[in-house]
Amino acid sequence: MGTPQTSAPHVALLEPPGFLMLNYGPGTPAVTLTAHLAYGAIVGGFLTPPG
């Protein structure tokens, strides 16, 4: 959410994500990477050749 340094103190603003989306919390890069790996594993499971 917005910080006291934002230009609109009366309205909650969503900050820009920043480097590796760290403005959304320190766990965001790990959760994003885990979600991407899980998605890739699921999609990759459907694309394996029958054998």
PDB file of N, CA and C in Angstrom:
ATOM      1  N   MET A   1       0.852  -1.173   0.000  1.00  0.00           N
ATOM      2  CA  MET A   1       0.000   0.000   0.000  1.00  0.00           C
ATOM      3  C   MET A   1       0.890   1.225   0.000  1.00  0.00           C
ATOM      4  N   GLY A   2       0.266   2.359  -0.121  1.00  0.00           N
ATOM      5  CA  GLY A   2       1.000   3.607  -0.165  1.00  0.00           C
ATOM      6  C   GLY A   2       1.745   3.887   1.122  1.00  0.00           C
ATOM      7  N   THR A   3       2.792   4.645   1.009  1.00  0.00           N
ATOM      8  CA  THR A   3       3.593   5.032   2.168  1.00  0.00           C
ATOM      9  C   THR A   3       3.351   6.499   2.477  1.00  0.00           C
ATOM     10  N   PRO A   4       3.797   6.979   3.621  1.00  0.00           N
ATOM     11  CA  PRO A   4       3.626   8.407   3.919  1.00  0.00           C
ATOM     12  C   PRO A   4       4.304   9.327   2.898  1.00  0.00           C
ATOM     13  N   GLN A   5       5.243   8.808   2.126  1.00  0.00           N
ATOM     14  CA  GLN A   5       5.925   9.625   1.127  1.00  0.00           C
ATOM     15  C   GLN A   5       5.129   9.781  -0.176  1.00  0.00           C
ATOM     16  N   THR A   6       4.006   9.091  -0.317  1.00  0.00           N
ATOM     17  CA  THR A   6       3.234   9.221  -1.552  1.00  0.00           C
ATOM     18  C   THR A   6       2.542  10.566  -1.595  1.00  0.00           C
ATOM     19  N   SER A   7       2.136  10.966  -2.780  1.00  0.00           N
ATOM     20  CA  SER A   7       1.545  12.291  -2.953  1.00  0.00           C
ATOM     21  C   SER A   7       0.065  12.344  -2.578  1.00  0.00           C
ATOM     22  N   ALA A   8      -0.570  11.218  -2.342  1.00  0.00           N
ATOM     23  CA  ALA A   8      -1.993  11.196  -1.991  1.00  0.00           C
ATOM     24  C   ALA A   8      -2.172  10.487  -0.645  1.00  0.00           C
ATOM     25  N   PRO A   9      -2.006  11.194   0.462  1.00  0.00           N
ATOM     26  CA  PRO A   9      -2.037  10.535   1.767  1.00  0.00           C
ATOM     27  C   PRO A   9      -3.417  10.050   2.199  1.00  0.00           C
ATOM     28  N   HIS A  10      -4.498  10.547   1.598  1.00  0.00           N
ATOM     29  CA  HIS A  10      -5.840  10.176   2.032  1.00  0.00           C
ATOM     30  C   HIS A  10      -6.401   8.967   1.290  1.00  0.00           C
ATOM     31  N   VAL A  11      -5.719   8.546   0.245  1.00  0.00           N
ATOM     32  CA  VAL A  11      -6.189   7.430  -0.566  1.00  0.00           C
ATOM     33  C   VAL A  11      -5.115   6.347  -0.563  1.00  0.00           C
ATOM     34  N   ALA A  12      -5.512   5.122  -0.278  1.00  0.00           N
ATOM     35  CA  ALA A  12      -4.552   4.018  -0.316  1.00  0.00           C
ATOM     36  C   ALA A  12      -4.149   3.754  -1.756  1.00  0.00           C
ATOM     37  N   LEU A  13      -2.859   3.785  -2.013  1.00  0.00           N
ATOM     38  CA  LEU A  13      -2.339   3.562  -3.358  1.00  0.00           C
ATOM     39  C   LEU A  13      -1.478   2.315  -3.370  1.00  0.00           C
ATOM     40  N   LEU A  14      -1.478   1.631  -4.468  1.00  0.00           N
ATOM     41  CA  LEU A  14      -0.608   0.481  -4.635  1.00  0.00           C
ATOM     42  C   LEU A  14       0.713   0.979  -5.196  1.00  0.00           C
ATOM     43  N   GLU A  15       1.794   0.686  -4.484  1.00  0.00           N
ATOM     44  CA  GLU A  15       3.116   1.124  -4.917  1.00  0.00           C
ATOM     45  C   GLU A  15       3.542   0.352  -6.161  1.00  0.00           C
ATOM     46  N   PRO A  16       4.446   0.916  -6.961  1.00  0.00           N
ATOM     47  CA  PRO A  16       5.019   0.153  -8.074  1.00  0.00           C
ATOM     48  C   PRO A  16       5.746  -1.074  -7.511  1.00  0.00           C
ATOM     49  N   PRO A  17       5.810  -2.163  -8.270  1.00  0.00           N
ATOM     50  CA  PRO A  17       6.371  -3.389  -7.714  1.00  0.00           C
ATOM     51  C   PRO A  17       7.834  -3.280  -7.312  1.00  0.00           C
ATOM     52  N   GLY A  18       8.625  -2.487  -8.014  1.00  0.00           N
ATOM     53  CA  GLY A  18      10.044  -2.380  -7.685  1.00  0.00           C
ATOM     54  C   GLY A  18      10.823  -3.603  -8.142  1.00  0.00           C
ATOM     55  N   PHE A  19      12.106  -3.622  -7.781  1.00  0.00           N
ATOM     56  CA  PHE A  19      12.998  -4.705  -8.177  1.00  0.00           C
ATOM     57  C   PHE A  19      12.524  -6.024  -7.574  1.00  0.00           C
ATOM     58  N   LEU A  20      12.307  -7.031  -8.399  1.00  0.00           N
ATOM     59  CA  LEU A  20      11.825  -8.360  -8.001  1.00  0.00           C
ATOM     60  C   LEU A  20      10.522  -8.296  -7.202  1.00  0.00           C
ATOM     61  N   MET A  21       9.742  -7.250  -7.405  1.00  0.00           N
ATOM     62  CA  MET A  21       8.458  -7.042  -6.717  1.00  0.00           C
ATOM     63  C   MET A  21       8.617  -7.004  -5.196  1.00  0.00           C
ATOM     64  N   LEU A  22       9.761  -6.533  -4.706  1.00  0.00           N
ATOM     65  CA  LEU A  22      10.021  -6.520  -3.268  1.00  0.00           C
ATOM     66  C   LEU A  22       9.173  -5.506  -2.520  1.00  0.00           C
ATOM     67  N   ASN A  23       8.575  -4.530  -3.213  1.00  0.00           N
ATOM     68  CA  ASN A  23       7.679  -3.588  -2.534  1.00  0.00           C
ATOM     69  C   ASN A  23       6.387  -4.261  -2.093  1.00  0.00           C
ATOM     70  N   TYR A  24       6.105  -5.461  -2.589  1.00  0.00           N
ATOM     71  CA  TYR A  24       4.905  -6.195  -2.197  1.00  0.00           C
ATOM     72  C   TYR A  24       5.192  -7.168  -1.064  1.00  0.00           C
ATOM     73  N   GLY A  25       6.391  -7.177  -0.547  1.00  0.00           N
ATOM     74  CA  GLY A  25       6.771  -8.038   0.563  1.00  0.00           C
ATOM     75  C   GLY A  25       7.979  -8.877   0.210  1.00  0.00           C
ATOM     76  N   PRO A  26       8.748  -9.260   1.228  1.00  0.00           N
ATOM     77  CA  PRO A  26       9.983  -9.995   0.938  1.00  0.00           C
ATOM     78  C   PRO A  26       9.754 -11.409   0.399  1.00  0.00           C
ATOM     79  N   GLY A  27       8.590 -11.991   0.627  1.00  0.00           N
ATOM     80  CA  GLY A  27       8.325 -13.343   0.145  1.00  0.00           C
ATOM     81  C   GLY A  27       7.790 -13.388  -1.267  1.00  0.00           C
ATOM     82  N   THR A  28       7.500 -12.251  -1.862  1.00  0.00           N
ATOM     83  CA  THR A  28       6.887 -12.220  -3.191  1.00  0.00           C
ATOM     84  C   THR A  28       7.745 -12.892  -4.262  1.00  0.00           C
ATOM     85  N   PRO A  29       9.063 -12.643  -4.330  1.00  0.00           N
ATOM     86  CA  PRO A  29       9.841 -13.330  -5.368  1.00  0.00           C
ATOM     87  C   PRO A  29       9.813 -14.849  -5.217  1.00  0.00           C
ATOM     88  N   ALA A  30       9.860 -15.355  -3.993  1.00  0.00           N
ATOM     89  CA  ALA A  30       9.845 -16.803  -3.781  1.00  0.00           C
ATOM     90  C   ALA A  30       8.502 -17.396  -4.182  1.00  0.00           C
ATOM     91  N   VAL A  31       7.411 -16.730  -3.827  1.00  0.00           N
ATOM     92  CA  VAL A  31       6.078 -17.224  -4.187  1.00  0.00           C
ATOM     93  C   VAL A  31       5.894 -17.179  -5.695  1.00  0.00           C
ATOM     94  N   THR A  32       6.354 -16.122  -6.334  1.00  0.00           N
ATOM     95  CA  THR A  32       6.237 -15.993  -7.793  1.00  0.00           C
ATOM     96  C   THR A  32       7.038 -17.086  -8.492  1.00  0.00           C
ATOM     97  N   LEU A  33       8.253 -17.326  -8.039  1.00  0.00           N
ATOM     98  CA  LEU A  33       9.082 -18.367  -8.640  1.00  0.00           C
ATOM     99  C   LEU A  33       8.451 -19.746  -8.442  1.00  0.00           C
ATOM    100  N   THR A  34       7.946 -20.011  -7.246  1.00  0.00           N
ATOM    101  CA  THR A  34       7.303 -21.297  -6.970  1.00  0.00           C
ATOM    102  C   THR A  34       6.076 -21.494  -7.850  1.00  0.00           C
ATOM    103  N   ALA A  35       5.275 -20.443  -8.008  1.00  0.00           N
ATOM    104  CA  ALA A  35       4.077 -20.540  -8.851  1.00  0.00           C
ATOM    105  C   ALA A  35       4.461 -20.789 -10.306  1.00  0.00           C
ATOM    106  N   HIS A  36       5.506 -20.115 -10.789  1.00  0.00           N
ATOM    107  CA  HIS A  36       5.941 -20.336 -12.163  1.00  0.00           C
ATOM    108  C   HIS A  36       6.458 -21.767 -12.359  1.00  0.00           C
ATOM    109  N   LEU A  37       7.195 -22.273 -11.407  1.00  0.00           N
ATOM    110  CA  LEU A  37       7.702 -23.646 -11.517  1.00  0.00           C
ATOM    111  C   LEU A  37       6.560 -24.660 -11.488  1.00  0.00           C
ATOM    112  N   ALA A  38       5.591 -24.441 -10.625  1.00  0.00           N
ATOM    113  CA  ALA A  38       4.451 -25.357 -10.556  1.00  0.00           C
ATOM    114  C   ALA A  38       3.657 -25.327 -11.855  1.00  0.00           C
ATOM    115  N   TYR A  39       3.419 -24.137 -12.380  1.00  0.00           N
ATOM    116  CA  TYR A  39       2.691 -24.014 -13.643  1.00  0.00           C
ATOM    117  C   TYR A  39       3.455 -24.715 -14.778  1.00  0.00           C
ATOM    118  N   GLY A  40       4.766 -24.490 -14.819  1.00  0.00           N
ATOM    119  CA  GLY A  40       5.577 -25.129 -15.848  1.00  0.00           C
ATOM    120  C   GLY A  40       5.574 -26.636 -15.738  1.00  0.00           C
ATOM    121  N   ALA A  41       5.577 -27.144 -14.506  1.00  0.00           N
ATOM    122  CA  ALA A  41       5.538 -28.598 -14.317  1.00  0.00           C
ATOM    123  C   ALA A  41       4.205 -29.175 -14.781  1.00  0.00           C
ATOM    124  N   ILE A  42       3.122 -28.478 -14.491  1.00  0.00           N
ATOM    125  CA  ILE A  42       1.801 -28.954 -14.899  1.00  0.00           C
ATOM    126  C   ILE A  42       1.679 -28.944 -16.425  1.00  0.00           C
ATOM    127  N   VAL A  43       2.058 -27.832 -17.033  1.00  0.00           N
ATOM    128  CA  VAL A  43       1.978 -27.733 -18.497  1.00  0.00           C
ATOM    129  C   VAL A  43       2.941 -28.727 -19.141  1.00  0.00           C
ATOM    130  N   GLY A  44       4.151 -28.843 -18.597  1.00  0.00           N
ATOM    131  CA  GLY A  44       5.116 -29.785 -19.132  1.00  0.00           C
ATOM    132  C   GLY A  44       4.658 -31.224 -19.013  1.00  0.00           C
ATOM    133  N   GLY A  45       3.874 -31.522 -17.985  1.00  0.00           N
ATOM    134  CA  GLY A  45       3.334 -32.871 -17.831  1.00  0.00           C
ATOM    135  C   GLY A  45       2.380 -33.242 -18.935  1.00  0.00           C
ATOM    136  N   PHE A  46       1.664 -32.260 -19.471  1.00  0.00           N
ATOM    137  CA  PHE A  46       0.731 -32.521 -20.577  1.00  0.00           C
ATOM    138  C   PHE A  46       1.448 -32.602 -21.923  1.00  0.00           C
ATOM    139  N   LEU A  47       2.635 -32.070 -22.001  1.00  0.00           N
ATOM    140  CA  LEU A  47       3.346 -32.013 -23.283  1.00  0.00           C
ATOM    141  C   LEU A  47       4.361 -33.123 -23.483  1.00  0.00           C
ATOM    142  N   THR A  48       4.519 -34.017 -22.517  1.00  0.00           N
ATOM    143  CA  THR A  48       5.479 -35.092 -22.695  1.00  0.00           C
ATOM    144  C   THR A  48       4.976 -36.068 -23.753  1.00  0.00           C
ATOM    145  N   PRO A  49       5.868 -36.534 -24.588  1.00  0.00           N
ATOM    146  CA  PRO A  49       5.430 -37.471 -25.646  1.00  0.00           C
ATOM    147  C   PRO A  49       5.024 -38.808 -25.034  1.00  0.00           C
ATOM    148  N   PRO A  50       4.006 -39.430 -25.589  1.00  0.00           N
ATOM    149  CA  PRO A  50       3.604 -40.746 -25.072  1.00  0.00           C
ATOM    150  C   PRO A  50       4.695 -41.767 -25.333  1.00  0.00           C
ATOM    151  N   GLY A  51       4.880 -42.621 -24.373  1.00  0.00           N
ATOM    152  CA  GLY A  51       5.940 -43.589 -24.603  1.00  0.00           C
ATOM    153  C   GLY A  51       5.898 -44.659 -23.676  1.00  0.00           C
TER     154      GLY A  51
END
